[in-house]
Amino acid sequence: MTTTPAKAKEESLLPPKVMTALTMVASGTSFDDAAECVGMSGRALRKWRKHRDANEFIESARQTYKANH
């Protein structure tokens, strides 16, 4: 069985609460405030920023935010 790029991407998704917090960060909220809103520490959220999908997710969220505001 071969793994398609889409399947590999699905396996590396960020958890929903991390995506929510990173979306908030992309719109200008501080890491600490965004983390608190989803029930995690700022330190934990900063660690998630090192995840291989985090930078791409944040950039995409920033572009979406800019397009809508």
C-alpha atoms as a PDB file:
ATOM      1  CA  MET A   1       0.000   0.000   0.000  1.00  0.00           C
ATOM      2  CA  THR A   2       1.373   3.402  -0.928  1.00  0.00           C
ATOM      3  CA  THR A   3       0.771   6.574   1.032  1.00  0.00           C
ATOM      4  CA  THR A   4      -0.509   9.517  -0.953  1.00  0.00           C
ATOM      5  CA  PRO A   5       0.578  13.044  -0.015  1.00  0.00           C
ATOM      6  CA  ALA A   6      -2.963  13.820   1.169  1.00  0.00           C
ATOM      7  CA  LYS A   7      -2.917  10.784   3.457  1.00  0.00           C
ATOM      8  CA  ALA A   8       0.490  11.730   4.865  1.00  0.00           C
ATOM      9  CA  LYS A   9      -0.835  15.247   5.508  1.00  0.00           C
ATOM     10  CA  GLU A  10      -3.866  13.858   7.371  1.00  0.00           C
ATOM     11  CA  GLU A  11      -1.581  11.928   9.700  1.00  0.00           C
ATOM     12  CA  SER A  12       0.314  15.063  10.719  1.00  0.00           C
ATOM     13  CA  LEU A  13      -2.584  17.393  11.474  1.00  0.00           C
ATOM     14  CA  LEU A  14      -2.480  19.578  14.537  1.00  0.00           C
ATOM     15  CA  PRO A  15      -5.037  18.945  17.309  1.00  0.00           C
ATOM     16  CA  PRO A  16      -8.192  21.091  17.028  1.00  0.00           C
ATOM     17  CA  LYS A  17      -7.478  23.190  20.119  1.00  0.00           C
ATOM     18  CA  VAL A  18      -3.961  23.914  18.866  1.00  0.00           C
ATOM     19  CA  MET A  19      -5.340  24.963  15.484  1.00  0.00           C
ATOM     20  CA  THR A  20      -7.825  27.240  17.240  1.00  0.00           C
ATOM     21  CA  ALA A  21      -5.098  28.838  19.335  1.00  0.00           C
ATOM     22  CA  LEU A  22      -2.745  29.245  16.364  1.00  0.00           C
ATOM     23  CA  THR A  23      -5.564  30.858  14.375  1.00  0.00           C
ATOM     24  CA  MET A  24      -5.950  33.355  17.202  1.00  0.00           C
ATOM     25  CA  VAL A  25      -2.194  33.999  17.169  1.00  0.00           C
ATOM     26  CA  ALA A  26      -2.333  34.569  13.407  1.00  0.00           C
ATOM     27  CA  SER A  27      -4.977  37.239  13.957  1.00  0.00           C
ATOM     28  CA  GLY A  28      -2.865  39.102  16.498  1.00  0.00           C
ATOM     29  CA  THR A  29      -3.633  37.462  19.843  1.00  0.00           C
ATOM     30  CA  SER A  30      -0.608  36.711  22.032  1.00  0.00           C
ATOM     31  CA  PHE A  31       0.496  33.107  22.485  1.00  0.00           C
ATOM     32  CA  ASP A  32      -0.353  33.269  26.185  1.00  0.00           C
ATOM     33  CA  ASP A  33      -3.843  34.675  25.646  1.00  0.00           C
ATOM     34  CA  ALA A  34      -4.629  32.276  22.808  1.00  0.00           C
ATOM     35  CA  ALA A  35      -3.412  29.311  24.828  1.00  0.00           C
ATOM     36  CA  GLU A  36      -5.466  30.346  27.848  1.00  0.00           C
ATOM     37  CA  CYS A  37      -8.600  30.549  25.674  1.00  0.00           C
ATOM     38  CA  VAL A  38      -8.256  26.899  24.672  1.00  0.00           C
ATOM     39  CA  GLY A  39      -7.177  25.623  28.078  1.00  0.00           C
ATOM     40  CA  MET A  40      -3.460  25.148  27.647  1.00  0.00           C
ATOM     41  CA  SER A  41      -0.326  26.976  28.713  1.00  0.00           C
ATOM     42  CA  GLY A  42       1.512  29.461  26.555  1.00  0.00           C
ATOM     43  CA  ARG A  43       4.582  27.298  26.891  1.00  0.00           C
ATOM     44  CA  ALA A  44       2.750  24.253  25.521  1.00  0.00           C
ATOM     45  CA  LEU A  45       1.423  26.270  22.581  1.00  0.00           C
ATOM     46  CA  ARG A  46       4.916  27.550  21.794  1.00  0.00           C
ATOM     47  CA  LYS A  47       6.118  23.930  21.712  1.00  0.00           C
ATOM     48  CA  TRP A  48       3.392  23.109  19.204  1.00  0.00           C
ATOM     49  CA  ARG A  49       4.725  25.912  17.007  1.00  0.00           C
ATOM     50  CA  LYS A  50       7.719  23.653  16.319  1.00  0.00           C
ATOM     51  CA  HIS A  51       5.420  20.996  14.800  1.00  0.00           C
ATOM     52  CA  ARG A  52       6.094  20.463  11.116  1.00  0.00           C
ATOM     53  CA  ASP A  53       2.646  21.737  10.106  1.00  0.00           C
ATOM     54  CA  ALA A  54       2.440  24.735  12.432  1.00  0.00           C
ATOM     55  CA  ASN A  55       4.203  27.387  10.334  1.00  0.00           C
ATOM     56  CA  GLU A  56       2.230  26.517   7.214  1.00  0.00           C
ATOM     57  CA  PHE A  57      -0.995  26.556   9.242  1.00  0.00           C
ATOM     58  CA  ILE A  58      -0.203  29.943  10.822  1.00  0.00           C
ATOM     59  CA  GLU A  59       0.688  31.481   7.461  1.00  0.00           C
ATOM     60  CA  SER A  60      -2.522  30.177   5.915  1.00  0.00           C
ATOM     61  CA  ALA A  61      -4.543  31.540   8.838  1.00  0.00           C
ATOM     62  CA  ARG A  62      -2.808  34.929   8.500  1.00  0.00           C
ATOM     63  CA  GLN A  63      -3.655  35.103   4.806  1.00  0.00           C
ATOM     64  CA  THR A  64      -7.283  34.228   5.534  1.00  0.00           C
ATOM     65  CA  TYR A  65      -7.453  36.820   8.300  1.00  0.00           C
ATOM     66  CA  LYS A  66      -5.964  39.529   6.072  1.00  0.00           C
ATOM     67  CA  ALA A  67      -8.346  38.677   3.252  1.00  0.00           C
ATOM     68  CA  ASN A  68     -11.351  39.033   5.554  1.00  0.00           C
ATOM     69  CA  HIS A  69     -10.310  42.190   7.416  1.00  0.00           C
END
